[in-house]
């Protein structure tokens, strides 16, 4: 999820989420209160992705390292068969 890129996007999202009219948001609510409400609302924060090195260490710990002559496809197929 990406935050709004301008004040117009912010007003549009507040109008969508609260049902308030754009006129009410622009003329009926002061800007500092709007910013405080917006910063306090819940939002989705994606989890951190694991780096390739972390994934590799995790997979090695699960099933040991693959033999040197085994292709990655064969390695993953053998892991699928084990589960």
C-alpha atoms as a PDB file:
ATOM      1  CA  UNK A   1       0.000   0.000   0.000  1.00  0.00           C
ATOM      2  CA  UNK A   2       1.319   3.405  -0.914  1.00  0.00           C
ATOM      3  CA  UNK A   3       0.559   6.682   0.914  1.00  0.00           C
ATOM      4  CA  UNK A   4      -1.059   9.617  -0.904  1.00  0.00           C
ATOM      5  CA  UNK A   5       1.319  11.712  -2.984  1.00  0.00           C
ATOM      6  CA  UNK A   6      -0.355  15.087  -2.467  1.00  0.00           C
ATOM      7  CA  UNK A   7      -2.861  16.844  -0.187  1.00  0.00           C
ATOM      8  CA  UNK A   8      -5.571  16.041  -2.766  1.00  0.00           C
ATOM      9  CA  UNK A   9      -4.918  12.321  -2.379  1.00  0.00           C
ATOM     10  CA  UNK A  10      -5.093  12.701   1.392  1.00  0.00           C
ATOM     11  CA  UNK A  11      -8.426  14.545   1.175  1.00  0.00           C
ATOM     12  CA  UNK A  12      -9.762  11.912  -1.217  1.00  0.00           C
ATOM     13  CA  UNK A  13      -8.799   9.052   1.075  1.00  0.00           C
ATOM     14  CA  UNK A  14     -10.285  10.761   4.132  1.00  0.00           C
ATOM     15  CA  UNK A  15     -13.512  11.409   2.209  1.00  0.00           C
ATOM     16  CA  UNK A  16     -13.630   7.751   1.112  1.00  0.00           C
ATOM     17  CA  UNK A  17     -12.875   6.355   4.575  1.00  0.00           C
ATOM     18  CA  UNK A  18     -15.106   8.665   6.635  1.00  0.00           C
ATOM     19  CA  UNK A  19     -17.920   9.499   4.228  1.00  0.00           C
ATOM     20  CA  UNK A  20     -17.337  13.219   4.785  1.00  0.00           C
ATOM     21  CA  UNK A  21     -17.753  15.529   1.808  1.00  0.00           C
ATOM     22  CA  UNK A  22     -14.700  17.192   0.309  1.00  0.00           C
ATOM     23  CA  UNK A  23     -16.235  20.565   1.152  1.00  0.00           C
ATOM     24  CA  UNK A  24     -16.577  19.585   4.828  1.00  0.00           C
ATOM     25  CA  UNK A  25     -12.989  18.320   4.942  1.00  0.00           C
ATOM     26  CA  UNK A  26     -11.621  21.517   3.366  1.00  0.00           C
ATOM     27  CA  UNK A  27     -13.778  24.015   5.269  1.00  0.00           C
ATOM     28  CA  UNK A  28     -15.052  22.248   8.390  1.00  0.00           C
ATOM     29  CA  UNK A  29     -11.978  20.544   9.826  1.00  0.00           C
ATOM     30  CA  UNK A  30      -8.739  22.331  10.636  1.00  0.00           C
ATOM     31  CA  UNK A  31      -5.568  21.019   9.039  1.00  0.00           C
ATOM     32  CA  UNK A  32      -3.648  20.058  12.239  1.00  0.00           C
ATOM     33  CA  UNK A  33      -6.595  17.948  13.422  1.00  0.00           C
ATOM     34  CA  UNK A  34      -6.796  16.282  10.017  1.00  0.00           C
ATOM     35  CA  UNK A  35      -3.100  15.419  10.112  1.00  0.00           C
ATOM     36  CA  UNK A  36      -3.355  13.998  13.630  1.00  0.00           C
ATOM     37  CA  UNK A  37      -6.353  11.868  12.659  1.00  0.00           C
ATOM     38  CA  UNK A  38      -4.602  10.654   9.506  1.00  0.00           C
ATOM     39  CA  UNK A  39      -1.359   9.709  11.285  1.00  0.00           C
ATOM     40  CA  UNK A  40      -3.291   7.771  13.913  1.00  0.00           C
ATOM     41  CA  UNK A  41      -5.425   5.658  11.552  1.00  0.00           C
ATOM     42  CA  UNK A  42      -4.600   2.006  11.060  1.00  0.00           C
ATOM     43  CA  UNK A  43      -2.910   0.901   7.860  1.00  0.00           C
ATOM     44  CA  UNK A  44      -1.249  -2.145   6.365  1.00  0.00           C
ATOM     45  CA  UNK A  45       2.514  -2.347   6.868  1.00  0.00           C
ATOM     46  CA  UNK A  46       4.116  -5.105   4.815  1.00  0.00           C
ATOM     47  CA  UNK A  47       6.547  -7.402   6.547  1.00  0.00           C
ATOM     48  CA  UNK A  48      10.229  -7.252   5.725  1.00  0.00           C
ATOM     49  CA  UNK A  49      11.271  -9.601   2.953  1.00  0.00           C
ATOM     50  CA  UNK A  50      14.042 -12.048   3.644  1.00  0.00           C
ATOM     51  CA  UNK A  51      17.268 -11.608   1.714  1.00  0.00           C
ATOM     52  CA  UNK A  52      18.477 -14.423  -0.559  1.00  0.00           C
ATOM     53  CA  UNK A  53      21.243 -15.188   1.941  1.00  0.00           C
ATOM     54  CA  UNK A  54      18.686 -15.555   4.766  1.00  0.00           C
ATOM     55  CA  UNK A  55      16.511 -17.821   2.613  1.00  0.00           C
ATOM     56  CA  UNK A  56      19.517 -19.928   1.669  1.00  0.00           C
ATOM     57  CA  UNK A  57      20.600 -20.348   5.301  1.00  0.00           C
ATOM     58  CA  UNK A  58      17.050 -21.243   6.300  1.00  0.00           C
ATOM     59  CA  UNK A  59      16.739 -23.867   3.576  1.00  0.00           C
ATOM     60  CA  UNK A  60      20.145 -25.335   4.384  1.00  0.00           C
ATOM     61  CA  UNK A  61      19.141 -25.662   8.015  1.00  0.00           C
ATOM     62  CA  UNK A  62      15.903 -27.418   7.029  1.00  0.00           C
ATOM     63  CA  UNK A  63      17.264 -30.039   4.700  1.00  0.00           C
ATOM     64  CA  UNK A  64      21.024 -29.731   4.562  1.00  0.00           C
ATOM     65  CA  UNK A  65      22.878 -28.308   1.603  1.00  0.00           C
ATOM     66  CA  UNK A  66      22.229 -29.845  -1.815  1.00  0.00           C
ATOM     67  CA  UNK A  67      24.881 -32.096  -3.353  1.00  0.00           C
ATOM     68  CA  UNK A  68      27.284 -30.253  -5.637  1.00  0.00           C
ATOM     69  CA  UNK A  69      26.123 -32.040  -8.800  1.00  0.00           C
ATOM     70  CA  UNK A  70      22.371 -31.610  -8.145  1.00  0.00           C
ATOM     71  CA  UNK A  71      20.519 -28.927 -10.115  1.00  0.00           C
ATOM     72  CA  UNK A  72      18.329 -26.449  -8.216  1.00  0.00           C
ATOM     73  CA  UNK A  73      15.216 -27.944  -9.832  1.00  0.00           C
ATOM     74  CA  UNK A  74      16.124 -31.458  -8.657  1.00  0.00           C
ATOM     75  CA  UNK A  75      16.874 -30.117  -5.159  1.00  0.00           C
ATOM     76  CA  UNK A  76      13.487 -28.425  -4.825  1.00  0.00           C
ATOM     77  CA  UNK A  77      11.682 -31.427  -6.265  1.00  0.00           C
ATOM     78  CA  UNK A  78      13.377 -33.668  -3.695  1.00  0.00           C
ATOM     79  CA  UNK A  79      12.303 -31.268  -0.921  1.00  0.00           C
ATOM     80  CA  UNK A  80       8.719 -31.387  -2.204  1.00  0.00           C
ATOM     81  CA  UNK A  81       8.767 -35.181  -2.064  1.00  0.00           C
ATOM     82  CA  UNK A  82       9.977 -35.161   1.560  1.00  0.00           C
ATOM     83  CA  UNK A  83       7.064 -33.071   2.820  1.00  0.00           C
END
